[in-house]
Protein backbone atom coordinates (compact mmCIF):
# COMPACT_ATOMS: atom_id res chain seq x y z
CA MET A 1 0.00 0.00 0.00
CA GLN A 2 2.75 2.47 0.91
CA LYS A 3 4.60 1.73 -2.33
CA ASP A 4 1.41 2.49 -4.24
CA GLY A 5 0.97 5.73 -2.28
CA GLN A 6 -2.21 4.53 -0.53
CA ASP A 7 -3.09 5.33 3.08
CA ALA A 8 -6.21 3.19 3.17
CA LEU A 9 -8.07 0.61 1.14
CA SER A 10 -11.27 1.62 -0.62
CA PRO A 11 -14.21 -0.81 -0.71
CA SER A 12 -13.58 -1.63 -4.36
CA VAL A 13 -9.96 -2.50 -3.58
CA LEU A 14 -10.99 -4.67 -0.65
CA LEU A 15 -13.49 -6.48 -2.82
CA GLY A 16 -11.03 -6.82 -5.67
CA TYR A 17 -8.13 -8.60 -3.98
CA PRO A 18 -8.72 -12.24 -2.97
CA GLU A 19 -6.70 -13.64 -0.11
CA SER A 20 -5.54 -16.84 -1.79
CA GLU A 21 -5.52 -18.81 -5.02
CA GLU A 22 -8.36 -20.97 -3.70
CA GLU A 23 -10.51 -17.89 -3.17
CA GLN A 24 -9.63 -16.65 -6.64
CA GLU A 25 -10.72 -19.99 -8.12
CA GLU A 26 -13.92 -19.92 -6.08
CA ARG A 27 -14.63 -16.37 -7.21
CA ASP A 28 -14.10 -17.38 -10.86
CA ARG A 29 -16.56 -20.25 -10.42
CA GLU A 30 -19.07 -17.87 -8.84
CA LEU A 31 -18.70 -15.38 -11.70
CA GLN A 32 -19.34 -18.18 -14.19
CA GLU A 33 -22.47 -19.12 -12.24
CA VAL A 34 -23.55 -15.46 -12.21
CA GLN A 35 -23.15 -15.23 -15.98
CA ARG A 36 -25.05 -18.50 -16.48
CA ILE A 37 -28.01 -17.33 -14.39
CA TRP A 38 -28.02 -13.87 -15.97
CA SER A 39 -27.87 -15.17 -19.54
CA SER A 40 -30.67 -17.66 -18.77
CA SER A 41 -32.87 -14.89 -17.39
CA VAL A 42 -35.18 -12.71 -19.46
CA PRO A 43 -36.76 -9.27 -18.93
CA LEU A 44 -40.39 -9.26 -17.86
CA THR A 45 -41.33 -7.70 -21.19
CA ASP A 46 -40.14 -10.87 -22.97
CA VAL A 47 -42.68 -13.17 -21.31
CA THR A 48 -46.36 -13.51 -22.13
CA ASP A 49 -48.91 -11.24 -20.46
CA GLU A 50 -50.31 -14.20 -18.50
CA GLU A 51 -46.88 -15.15 -17.17
CA ALA A 52 -46.08 -11.53 -16.29
CA LEU A 53 -49.39 -11.17 -14.43
CA LEU A 54 -48.81 -14.42 -12.54
CA ILE A 55 -45.29 -13.40 -11.51
CA LYS A 56 -46.39 -9.93 -10.38
CA THR A 57 -49.22 -11.46 -8.38
CA MET A 58 -46.88 -14.00 -6.73
CA PHE A 59 -44.50 -11.27 -5.60
CA GLN A 60 -47.26 -8.73 -4.83
CA ILE A 61 -45.79 -6.14 -7.20
CA SER A 62 -48.80 -5.55 -9.43
CA LYS A 63 -48.34 -1.79 -9.02
CA ILE A 64 -44.67 -1.91 -10.10
CA SER A 65 -44.51 -0.96 -13.77
CA ASN A 66 -42.51 -2.81 -16.42
CA ALA A 67 -40.60 0.42 -17.02
CA THR A 68 -39.37 0.44 -13.40
CA LEU A 69 -38.35 -3.22 -13.59
CA LYS A 70 -36.47 -2.53 -16.82
CA LYS A 71 -34.81 0.57 -15.36
CA PHE A 72 -33.35 -1.48 -12.47
CA GLY A 73 -32.48 -4.44 -14.71
CA VAL A 74 -34.77 -6.90 -12.94
CA ARG A 75 -35.23 -10.17 -14.82
CA ILE A 76 -37.08 -13.47 -14.55
CA PHE A 77 -35.32 -16.82 -14.11
CA LYS A 78 -37.91 -19.13 -15.71
CA PRO A 79 -36.75 -22.52 -14.34
CA THR A 80 -37.64 -21.45 -10.78
CA LYS A 81 -39.91 -18.48 -11.60
CA SER A 82 -37.57 -16.30 -9.53
CA LEU A 83 -36.95 -12.57 -9.73
CA VAL A 84 -33.29 -11.82 -10.51
CA PHE A 85 -31.74 -8.62 -9.12
CA PRO A 86 -28.33 -7.74 -10.59
CA TRP A 87 -25.28 -6.40 -8.76
CA PHE A 88 -23.47 -3.93 -10.99
CA GLY A 89 -20.24 -2.57 -9.51
CA GLY A 90 -16.76 -1.33 -10.19
CA PRO A 91 -15.63 1.52 -12.45
CA ASP A 92 -17.07 -0.23 -15.51
CA CYS A 93 -20.36 -1.20 -13.79
CA SER A 94 -19.76 -4.85 -14.63
CA LEU A 95 -21.99 -7.66 -13.37
CA LYS A 96 -20.54 -8.89 -10.05
CA GLY A 97 -23.39 -10.96 -8.65
CA VAL A 98 -27.11 -11.68 -8.55
CA LYS A 99 -29.82 -12.20 -5.95
CA LEU A 100 -32.70 -14.57 -6.71
CA ILE A 101 -36.00 -14.27 -4.85
CA SER A 102 -38.48 -17.12 -5.24
CA ALA A 103 -42.03 -17.44 -3.93
CA GLN A 104 -43.52 -20.56 -2.38
CA ILE A 105 -47.08 -21.22 -1.25
CA ALA A 106 -47.30 -23.05 2.08
CA ASP A 107 -50.04 -25.46 3.21
CA ASN A 108 -51.96 -22.60 4.83
CA ASP A 109 -52.00 -20.74 1.47
CA LYS A 110 -49.55 -18.16 2.78
CA VAL A 111 -46.78 -17.03 0.46
CA SER A 112 -43.20 -17.23 1.72
CA TYR A 113 -40.15 -15.81 -0.04
CA ASN A 114 -36.71 -17.41 -0.23
CA GLU A 115 -33.51 -15.57 -1.15
CA ALA A 116 -30.31 -16.91 -2.68
CA THR A 117 -27.24 -14.93 -3.70
CA VAL A 118 -24.25 -15.56 -5.91
CA PRO A 119 -21.65 -15.04 -4.55
CA ARG A 120 -22.61 -16.37 -1.10
CA ILE A 121 -24.27 -13.93 1.27
CA SER A 122 -21.09 -13.27 3.29
CA ALA A 123 -19.44 -11.88 0.14
CA TYR A 124 -22.53 -10.19 -1.33
CA TYR A 125 -22.16 -6.41 -0.96
CA ASN A 126 -24.75 -5.08 -3.38
CA LEU A 127 -26.44 -1.78 -2.59
CA PHE A 128 -29.18 -2.47 -5.14
CA GLY A 129 -29.96 0.68 -7.10
CA LEU A 130 -26.60 2.37 -6.45
CA SER A 131 -25.65 2.20 -10.14
CA LEU A 132 -28.59 4.54 -10.91
CA VAL A 133 -27.60 7.15 -8.32
CA GLY A 134 -26.00 10.29 -9.74
CA ARG A 135 -22.79 11.79 -8.39
CA MET A 136 -24.56 15.05 -7.59
CA ASP A 137 -27.39 13.45 -5.60
CA THR A 138 -27.36 14.50 -1.94
CA GLU A 139 -30.40 12.59 -0.67
CA VAL A 140 -31.08 8.85 -0.60
CA VAL A 141 -33.66 6.46 0.84
CA LEU A 142 -32.38 3.19 2.35
CA THR A 143 -34.79 0.23 2.28
CA GLY A 144 -34.64 -3.32 3.58
CA SER A 145 -35.48 -5.11 0.32
CA GLU A 146 -35.09 -4.74 -3.43
CA LEU A 147 -38.87 -4.68 -3.96
CA ASP A 148 -39.18 -1.73 -1.57
CA THR A 149 -36.50 0.12 -3.55
CA LEU A 150 -38.52 -0.35 -6.74
CA ALA A 151 -41.63 1.02 -5.02
CA VAL A 152 -39.90 4.11 -3.57
CA SER A 153 -38.14 4.95 -6.83
CA GLN A 154 -41.32 4.64 -8.89
CA ALA A 155 -43.54 6.58 -6.48
CA THR A 156 -41.15 9.39 -5.50
CA GLY A 157 -38.35 9.55 -8.05
CA LEU A 158 -35.86 9.84 -5.19
CA PRO A 159 -32.52 8.00 -5.28
CA CYS A 160 -33.07 4.75 -3.43
CA VAL A 161 -30.92 1.73 -2.56
CA SER A 162 -31.56 -1.46 -0.58
CA LEU A 163 -29.31 -3.13 1.96
CA PRO A 164 -27.85 -6.47 0.79
CA ARG A 165 -28.77 -8.38 3.97
CA GLY A 166 -31.97 -6.62 4.91
CA VAL A 167 -32.27 -5.36 8.46
CA SER A 168 -29.75 -7.82 9.91
CA CYS A 169 -26.54 -6.01 8.97
CA LEU A 170 -25.02 -2.86 7.44
CA PRO A 171 -21.44 -3.92 6.58
CA PRO A 172 -18.90 -1.12 7.19
CA ILE A 173 -17.41 -1.86 3.76
CA LEU A 174 -20.49 -0.17 2.26
CA LEU A 175 -20.31 3.04 4.31
CA PRO A 176 -18.00 4.94 1.90
CA TYR A 177 -20.62 4.56 -0.85
CA LEU A 178 -23.07 6.54 1.33
CA GLU A 179 -20.70 9.38 2.23
CA GLN A 180 -21.87 11.68 -0.59
CA PHE A 181 -25.39 12.00 0.82
CA LYS A 182 -26.26 14.83 3.19
CA LYS A 183 -29.62 13.29 4.06
CA VAL A 184 -30.27 9.57 4.49
CA THR A 185 -33.81 8.34 5.16
CA PHE A 186 -34.22 4.84 6.59
CA TRP A 187 -37.41 3.01 5.60
CA LEU A 188 -36.50 -0.57 6.39
CA GLY A 189 -39.93 -2.06 7.03
CA ALA A 190 -43.06 -2.01 9.12
CA ASP A 191 -42.10 -4.04 12.20
CA ILE A 192 -40.27 -3.31 15.44
CA ARG A 193 -37.11 -5.12 14.34
CA SER A 194 -36.82 -2.82 11.31
CA TRP A 195 -37.30 0.20 13.56
CA GLU A 196 -34.58 -0.94 15.97
CA SER A 197 -32.19 -1.65 13.08
CA SER A 198 -32.85 1.82 11.65
CA LYS A 199 -31.74 3.44 14.90
CA ILE A 200 -28.60 1.28 15.09
CA PHE A 201 -27.59 1.85 11.45
CA SER A 202 -28.13 5.60 11.73
CA ARG A 203 -25.38 5.71 14.38
CA LYS A 204 -22.94 4.32 11.83
CA LEU A 205 -23.81 6.98 9.26
CA GLY A 206 -24.08 9.87 11.72
CA LEU A 207 -27.30 10.75 13.54
CA LYS A 208 -27.44 14.35 12.32
CA ARG A 209 -27.91 13.46 8.66
CA CYS A 210 -30.30 10.53 9.19
CA SER A 211 -34.06 10.42 9.51
CA LEU A 212 -36.29 7.42 10.19
CA VAL A 213 -39.72 6.37 8.92
CA ARG A 214 -41.52 5.16 12.02
CA PRO A 215 -43.48 1.90 11.49
CA GLY A 216 -47.20 2.20 12.04
CA GLU A 217 -50.66 1.36 10.81
CA PHE A 218 -50.51 4.07 8.13
CA ARG A 219 -46.82 3.54 7.33
CA PRO A 220 -46.32 -0.03 6.09
CA CYS A 221 -43.29 -1.11 4.07
CA PRO A 222 -42.91 0.77 0.74
CA VAL A 223 -44.17 -1.99 -1.58
CA GLU A 224 -47.31 -2.42 0.57
CA ALA A 225 -47.80 1.35 0.78
CA LEU A 226 -47.68 1.54 -3.02
CA ALA A 227 -50.18 -1.32 -3.35
CA GLU A 228 -52.55 0.44 -0.91
CA GLY A 229 -52.33 3.69 -2.85
CA LYS A 230 -50.62 5.68 -0.08
CA ASN A 231 -48.54 8.79 -0.74
CA LEU A 232 -44.94 7.58 -0.34
CA SER A 233 -43.48 11.08 -0.71
CA ARG A 234 -45.57 12.32 2.21
CA ILE A 235 -44.50 9.37 4.37
CA ILE A 236 -40.82 10.11 3.66
CA ASN A 237 -41.28 13.83 4.32
CA THR A 238 -42.81 13.08 7.73
CA SER A 239 -39.84 10.92 8.82
CA ILE A 240 -38.37 11.89 12.19
CA PRO A 241 -34.74 12.91 12.87
CA ALA A 242 -32.53 10.15 14.27
CA ALA A 243 -30.87 12.59 16.68
CA HIS A 244 -32.94 13.35 19.76
CA LYS A 245 -32.84 15.86 22.57
CA SER A 246 -31.90 14.96 26.12
CA ILE A 247 -35.33 15.98 27.42
CA VAL A 248 -38.60 15.01 25.73
CA SER A 249 -42.28 15.26 26.55
CA PHE A 250 -44.96 12.60 26.14
CA LYS A 251 -45.82 14.20 22.80
CA GLN A 252 -42.53 12.89 21.40
CA LEU A 253 -43.02 9.49 23.07
CA ARG A 254 -46.67 9.06 22.14
CA GLU A 255 -46.04 7.27 18.83
CA ASP A 256 -43.41 5.00 20.40
CA VAL A 257 -45.79 3.99 23.20
CA TYR A 258 -48.57 3.28 20.71
CA GLY A 259 -46.17 1.24 18.58
CA GLU A 260 -45.22 -0.95 21.55
CA LEU A 261 -48.89 -1.51 22.41
CA LEU A 262 -49.72 -2.32 18.79
CA ASN A 263 -46.81 -4.72 18.32
CA LYS A 264 -46.62 -6.32 21.76
CA GLU A 265 -45.43 -9.69 20.40
CA GLN A 266 -42.56 -8.07 18.48
CA VAL A 267 -41.66 -5.86 21.44
CA ALA A 268 -41.33 -9.01 23.56
CA GLY A 269 -38.37 -10.02 21.39
CA VAL A 270 -37.19 -12.99 19.35
CA LYS A 271 -38.88 -16.24 20.35
CA TRP A 272 -36.96 -19.45 20.97
CA THR A 273 -37.89 -22.45 18.83
CA ARG A 274 -36.25 -25.08 21.06
CA PHE A 275 -37.32 -23.70 24.46
CA LEU A 276 -41.03 -22.94 24.25
CA GLU A 277 -41.40 -22.85 28.04
CA LEU A 278 -38.84 -20.05 28.17
CA ASN A 279 -41.04 -18.06 25.76
CA ARG A 280 -43.92 -18.49 28.19
CA ILE A 281 -41.91 -16.99 31.06
CA LEU A 282 -39.48 -14.48 29.49
CA LYS A 283 -41.69 -13.80 26.41
CA GLY A 284 -38.58 -13.48 24.19
CA HIS A 285 -34.99 -12.33 23.74
CA ARG A 286 -34.71 -8.52 23.71
CA LYS A 287 -31.94 -6.12 22.74
CA GLY A 288 -30.28 -3.94 25.35
CA GLU A 289 -30.84 -6.33 28.26
CA LEU A 290 -28.40 -8.02 30.64
CA THR A 291 -28.99 -11.67 31.53
CA VAL A 292 -27.12 -13.31 34.42
CA PHE A 293 -26.94 -17.10 34.24
CA THR A 294 -25.63 -19.43 36.93
CA GLY A 295 -25.68 -23.09 37.89
CA PRO A 296 -23.69 -25.72 39.82
CA THR A 297 -20.23 -26.71 38.62
CA GLY A 298 -20.48 -29.46 36.00
CA SER A 299 -24.22 -29.03 35.49
CA GLY A 300 -23.83 -28.05 31.81
CA LYS A 301 -24.02 -24.24 31.89
CA THR A 302 -21.87 -23.73 28.78
CA THR A 303 -23.64 -26.52 26.88
CA PHE A 304 -27.06 -25.11 27.70
CA ILE A 305 -26.21 -21.48 26.90
CA SER A 306 -24.55 -22.50 23.64
CA GLU A 307 -27.80 -24.12 22.49
CA LEU A 308 -29.84 -21.18 23.76
CA ALA A 309 -27.65 -18.76 21.77
CA LEU A 310 -27.57 -21.06 18.73
CA ASP A 311 -31.37 -21.12 18.66
CA LEU A 312 -31.41 -17.32 18.43
CA CYS A 313 -28.52 -17.17 15.97
CA MET A 314 -30.39 -19.48 13.59
CA GLN A 315 -33.19 -16.90 13.60
CA GLY A 316 -30.93 -14.03 12.55
CA VAL A 317 -29.63 -12.77 15.91
CA ASN A 318 -25.98 -11.91 15.18
CA THR A 319 -23.97 -13.49 18.00
CA LEU A 320 -20.52 -12.96 19.54
CA TRP A 321 -19.06 -15.56 21.92
CA GLY A 322 -16.48 -14.70 24.54
CA SER A 323 -15.35 -18.08 25.87
CA PHE A 324 -12.71 -17.53 28.55
CA GLU A 325 -12.96 -21.01 30.08
CA ILE A 326 -12.96 -23.44 27.14
CA ASN A 327 -11.24 -22.90 23.80
CA ASN A 328 -13.12 -21.90 20.68
CA VAL A 329 -12.50 -25.19 18.84
CA ARG A 330 -14.22 -27.17 21.57
CA LEU A 331 -17.06 -24.65 21.81
CA ALA A 332 -17.58 -24.68 18.03
CA LYS A 333 -17.64 -28.49 18.12
CA ILE A 334 -20.39 -28.41 20.77
CA MET A 335 -22.46 -25.91 18.81
CA LEU A 336 -22.01 -27.78 15.51
CA THR A 337 -23.21 -30.98 17.20
CA GLN A 338 -26.25 -29.12 18.54
CA PHE A 339 -26.83 -27.58 15.11
CA ALA A 340 -26.72 -30.97 13.32
CA MET A 341 -28.62 -32.68 16.19
CA GLN A 342 -26.34 -35.72 15.94
CA ARG A 343 -22.86 -37.03 16.75
CA LEU A 344 -20.79 -36.09 13.73
CA GLU A 345 -17.95 -38.34 14.97
CA ASP A 346 -20.12 -41.25 13.83
CA ASN A 347 -21.12 -39.53 10.57
CA LEU A 348 -17.97 -37.86 9.27
CA GLU A 349 -19.23 -38.09 5.69
CA GLN A 350 -21.87 -35.47 6.65
CA TYR A 351 -19.35 -33.08 8.23
CA ASP A 352 -18.86 -30.83 5.18
CA TYR A 353 -22.61 -30.57 4.62
CA TRP A 354 -23.34 -29.41 8.16
CA ALA A 355 -20.17 -27.29 8.39
CA ASP A 356 -21.17 -25.37 5.24
CA LYS A 357 -24.60 -24.62 6.69
CA PHE A 358 -23.14 -23.74 10.10
CA GLU A 359 -20.67 -21.36 8.43
CA GLU A 360 -23.57 -19.30 7.05
CA LEU A 361 -24.67 -18.28 10.56
CA ALA A 362 -23.76 -14.81 11.79
CA LEU A 363 -21.69 -16.32 14.61
CA TYR A 364 -18.34 -14.94 15.78
CA PHE A 365 -15.87 -15.81 18.55
CA MET A 366 -13.47 -13.68 20.57
CA THR A 367 -9.95 -15.11 20.56
CA PHE A 368 -9.42 -14.46 24.28
CA HIS A 369 -8.81 -17.27 26.75
CA GLY A 370 -8.36 -16.98 30.49
CA GLN A 371 -7.76 -13.69 32.29
CA GLN A 372 -8.39 -10.49 30.28
CA ASN A 373 -8.63 -6.79 31.00
CA ILE A 374 -12.22 -5.51 30.95
CA LYS A 375 -11.30 -2.53 28.75
CA THR A 376 -9.82 -4.82 26.08
CA VAL A 377 -12.91 -7.02 26.14
CA LEU A 378 -15.29 -4.05 25.89
CA ASP A 379 -13.30 -2.54 23.01
CA THR A 380 -13.54 -5.85 21.16
CA MET A 381 -17.27 -6.05 21.79
CA GLN A 382 -17.80 -2.46 20.60
CA HIS A 383 -15.78 -3.15 17.46
CA ALA A 384 -17.85 -6.28 16.75
CA VAL A 385 -21.11 -4.36 17.17
CA TYR A 386 -19.91 -1.78 14.64
CA LEU A 387 -18.43 -4.29 12.19
CA TYR A 388 -20.92 -7.17 12.33
CA ASP A 389 -24.02 -5.56 13.93
CA ILE A 390 -23.83 -7.97 16.86
CA ASN A 391 -27.12 -8.31 18.80
CA HIS A 392 -26.06 -10.86 21.43
CA VAL A 393 -22.80 -11.21 23.37
CA ILE A 394 -22.10 -14.17 25.68
CA ILE A 395 -19.39 -13.95 28.34
CA ASP A 396 -18.40 -17.39 29.67
CA ASN A 397 -17.54 -16.83 32.38
CA LEU A 398 -16.97 -13.82 34.63
CA GLN A 399 -14.59 -15.51 37.10
CA PHE A 400 -12.25 -16.81 34.38
CA MET A 401 -12.20 -13.41 32.68
CA MET A 402 -11.34 -11.64 35.96
CA GLY A 403 -8.58 -14.10 36.83
CA GLN A 404 -6.46 -13.44 39.90
CA GLU A 405 -5.41 -9.88 39.13
CA ASN A 406 -5.79 -7.06 41.64
CA LEU A 407 -5.42 -9.38 44.62
CA THR A 408 -4.77 -6.33 46.78
CA VAL A 409 -8.13 -4.86 45.77
CA ASP A 410 -11.49 -6.10 47.00
CA LYS A 411 -12.48 -8.73 44.39
CA PHE A 412 -16.16 -8.03 44.96
CA ALA A 413 -15.58 -4.36 44.12
CA VAL A 414 -13.74 -5.37 40.93
CA GLN A 415 -16.59 -7.69 39.96
CA ASP A 416 -19.16 -4.96 40.60
CA HIS A 417 -17.20 -2.58 38.36
CA ILE A 418 -17.11 -5.15 35.53
CA ILE A 419 -20.82 -5.93 35.82
CA ALA A 420 -21.65 -2.21 35.72
CA ALA A 421 -19.50 -1.87 32.57
CA PHE A 422 -21.38 -4.71 30.86
CA ARG A 423 -24.70 -3.19 31.93
CA LYS A 424 -23.72 0.16 30.39
CA PHE A 425 -22.52 -1.52 27.19
CA ALA A 426 -25.79 -3.43 26.77
CA THR A 427 -27.86 -0.27 27.16
CA ASN A 428 -25.73 2.05 25.01
CA SER A 429 -25.11 -0.47 22.22
CA SER A 430 -28.65 -1.89 22.19
CA CYS A 431 -27.04 -5.32 22.46
CA HIS A 432 -28.10 -8.20 24.71
CA VAL A 433 -25.32 -9.41 27.03
CA THR A 434 -25.51 -12.84 28.66
CA LEU A 435 -23.12 -13.15 31.59
CA ILE A 436 -22.31 -16.57 33.06
CA ILE A 437 -21.27 -16.40 36.72
CA HIS A 438 -20.34 -19.31 38.98
CA PRO A 439 -22.40 -19.63 42.19
CA ARG A 440 -21.10 -19.53 45.73
CA LYS A 441 -19.96 -22.78 47.30
CA GLU A 442 -23.07 -24.32 48.82
CA GLU A 443 -24.23 -27.77 49.91
CA ASP A 444 -25.08 -30.13 47.05
CA ASP A 445 -28.59 -30.89 48.31
CA ARG A 446 -29.60 -27.21 48.40
CA GLU A 447 -31.23 -25.51 45.42
CA LEU A 448 -29.55 -22.35 44.17
CA GLN A 449 -31.23 -18.98 44.61
CA THR A 450 -30.63 -15.48 43.29
CA ALA A 451 -28.53 -14.83 46.38
CA SER A 452 -26.34 -17.82 45.42
CA ILE A 453 -24.67 -15.83 42.61
CA PHE A 454 -21.01 -15.24 43.48
CA GLY A 455 -20.17 -11.72 44.65
CA SER A 456 -22.32 -8.94 46.01
CA ALA A 457 -25.94 -8.27 45.08
CA LYS A 458 -24.77 -6.03 42.20
CA ALA A 459 -25.13 -8.78 39.58
CA SER A 460 -28.77 -9.54 40.33
CA GLN A 461 -29.60 -5.84 40.76
CA GLU A 462 -28.15 -4.81 37.38
CA ALA A 463 -29.56 -7.83 35.53
CA ASP A 464 -32.82 -7.71 33.62
CA ASN A 465 -33.09 -11.49 33.74
CA VAL A 466 -31.66 -14.05 36.17
CA LEU A 467 -31.59 -17.69 35.02
CA ILE A 468 -30.49 -20.61 37.20
CA LEU A 469 -29.74 -24.12 35.93
CA GLN A 470 -30.87 -26.27 38.85
CA GLU A 471 -29.54 -29.81 39.26
CA LYS A 472 -30.83 -32.39 41.71
CA LYS A 473 -27.99 -34.86 42.08
CA LEU A 474 -28.89 -38.54 42.39
CA VAL A 475 -26.69 -41.44 43.46
CA THR A 476 -27.95 -44.11 41.05
CA CYS A 477 -28.54 -42.07 37.88
CA PRO A 478 -27.72 -38.68 36.31
CA GLY A 479 -29.15 -35.68 38.08
CA ARG A 480 -32.42 -34.09 37.06
CA ARG A 481 -32.02 -30.63 35.60
CA SER A 482 -34.44 -27.74 35.37
CA LEU A 483 -34.22 -24.10 34.35
CA GLN A 484 -35.49 -21.51 36.79
CA VAL A 485 -36.18 -17.86 35.98
CA THR A 486 -35.96 -15.88 39.22
CA LYS A 487 -36.02 -12.38 37.74
CA ASN A 488 -37.77 -10.98 34.68
CA ARG A 489 -37.77 -7.21 34.47
CA PHE A 490 -39.85 -7.15 31.26
CA ASP A 491 -43.15 -8.28 32.77
CA GLY A 492 -42.29 -9.88 36.11
CA ASP A 493 -43.19 -13.49 35.26
CA VAL A 494 -40.94 -16.09 36.89
CA GLY A 495 -41.05 -19.87 36.95
CA ILE A 496 -39.26 -23.17 36.52
CA PHE A 497 -39.50 -26.02 34.01
CA PRO A 498 -37.69 -29.39 33.68
CA LEU A 499 -34.98 -30.15 31.12
CA ASP A 500 -33.93 -33.45 29.58
CA PHE A 501 -30.33 -33.74 28.36
CA ILE A 502 -29.77 -35.72 25.16
CA LYS A 503 -26.14 -36.77 25.14
CA SER A 504 -25.96 -37.78 21.47
CA SER A 505 -26.81 -34.25 20.29
CA LEU A 506 -25.70 -32.31 23.42
CA THR A 507 -29.11 -30.65 23.52
CA PHE A 508 -31.64 -29.89 26.22
CA THR A 509 -35.34 -30.48 25.64
CA ALA A 510 -38.51 -30.70 27.66
CA PRO A 511 -38.69 -34.26 29.06
CA VAL A 512 -40.90 -36.85 27.38
CA LYS A 513 -44.07 -37.53 29.35
CA GLY A 514 -43.58 -40.32 31.83
CA LYS A 515 -39.80 -40.55 31.38
CA HIS A 516 -39.02 -38.36 34.37
CA LYS A 517 -41.55 -38.87 37.11
CA PHE A 518 -41.29 -35.66 39.03
CA LYS A 519 -43.22 -35.68 42.26
CA LYS A 520 -46.71 -34.37 41.62
CA PRO A 521 -49.06 -33.18 44.36
CA THR A 522 -51.77 -35.69 45.27
CA LYS A 523 -55.39 -34.78 44.90
CA THR A 524 -55.75 -33.90 48.55
CA GLU A 525 -52.49 -31.91 48.52
CA SER A 526 -53.33 -29.94 45.40
CA GLU A 527 -56.85 -29.05 46.52
CA ASP A 528 -57.90 -26.82 49.38
CA PRO A 529 -58.54 -28.49 52.77
CA PRO A 530 -62.08 -29.93 52.89
CA GLY A 531 -64.68 -27.84 54.66
CA PRO A 532 -67.47 -29.07 57.00
CA ASP A 533 -69.83 -29.94 54.10
CA ALA A 534 -67.18 -31.99 52.35
CA ALA A 535 -66.37 -33.85 55.59
CA ALA A 536 -70.06 -34.64 56.19
CA LYS A 537 -70.44 -35.94 52.64
CA LYS A 538 -67.36 -38.12 53.14
CA ASP A 539 -68.91 -39.64 56.33
CA GLU A 540 -72.16 -40.41 54.47
CA VAL A 541 -70.23 -42.25 51.76
CA LYS A 542 -68.41 -44.30 54.41
CA LYS A 543 -71.73 -45.21 56.14
CA GLU A 544 -73.23 -46.33 52.82
CA LYS A 545 -70.21 -48.56 52.14
CA VAL A 546 -70.50 -50.14 55.65
CA SER A 547 -74.25 -50.67 55.19
CA LYS A 548 -73.75 -52.41 51.83
CA THR A 549 -71.06 -54.65 53.30
CA THR A 550 -73.32 -55.64 56.24
CA LYS A 551 -76.24 -56.50 53.93
CA THR A 552 -73.98 -58.62 51.73
CA LYS A 553 -72.68 -60.61 54.71
CA ALA A 554 -76.21 -61.16 56.07
CA ALA A 555 -77.45 -62.42 52.70
CA SER A 556 -74.58 -64.88 52.35
CA ALA A 557 -75.19 -66.21 55.91
CA SER A 558 -78.92 -66.74 55.15
CA ASP A 559 -78.09 -68.75 52.03
CA THR A 560 -75.79 -71.00 54.06
CA ASN A 561 -78.49 -71.75 56.68
CA GLN A 562 -81.04 -72.63 54.01
CA LYS A 563 -78.64 -75.12 52.51
């Protein structure tokens, strides 16, 4: 770089230089695939009117004109009836990739959309619509999908581009392409997740030049707004500034409060698919919260949390692991086993298949191990949030990260300082932090409580959620495990539910009925104590039984005498 007189690498340079010959060969294969798909695709004007109508109906773009589709170079890939969106880039605006969107009708007659990109999504950096933006343009609208970009451009005529990975990520490599704009309007969608992503992305671009379209009943996503005949220009003009004052009145909060009431399920957070009972108690996984998790030594804390985090990561929650106790190779092996739901040691021929799928997850690992300085860890976390839009950070565990430093200082005070730092990071970065802390040394037959968390009460006070992995140790068989929620700041619900550990897949599930016979209250124990009426009725039943028995005996004696 210095020989070439460069101080920094531009995005085009970063995208242009592969790291190895293998990557160069892979890129060549991908470019060949791109050319094959593109040459096999046709403009919408080249298909029959019936086919064009069917395709527009499938993708709900009946209001998008053929002229707009032609302007953006959108084509149809007939073999799969997919829309093809091109990626033109570089000084010569050459074809660098494509995104295919296909529609499928489920059993309940609902339409679902699947996306596929060439090159793979981790190397797909297409700001769709950027090739049509002029150098003198100072305003742009950022959307969460290519279809929304078509709608905004057609309805308003404003420069508009879509993010390559929707609302999940705004890669820093794309930021230089947005530097020319003095005003950036985010219109990423109509749900709470889009709204939260808009606020996070605006920090990257600078709050002062960003404005946000607030989701609401009268402000759906652009393609729906166009279909409903709404005025898209008016919606964009009524967007609110991303920067806010330090003091606000309820007038400024009114729309936010209404939005939370209207979208209560989305506000509750991302739901788990493997732990339905946890959804019932915690309602979901939310950004900006701090979760403290503890459990007895050897009970499977890391194994459980890795599956809990994997469940969320598979649903698009970008995750960063800080494993200070076990190395990353072993942790990745655990998570891959949980992902494949089988022992890959016995099925090595399937390793590449599952590893390729696992590699697609937005999952990252810190390279730390053992004792680390809190400032270094926080800097790494902040960098990851900026670079990869991390939504969930796991620290495993606090004691290993602290190590034995500062022996002359009160270790409880040091721990309180670290917990406060993580609490501040979670709030300021709108990122969920899960902190694993060992419990105090207690007797094996005693269940852990919130007060069992090692250190002062600071951890439980700062935490939004407190989770405890309970284990009842047995002599003859493995202990019975259950997950207890002792604190839930979101709505106050707490509770406990049993877990069944499956060794072959290293996963935890709700136990099969009848397999674990937990002690259930008897009928008399579960009901209220009987009152006077109930007792009297019970005596009458007893008397009737005695009377019947007496009559039966008398009858049998009479028969004997007659004989």
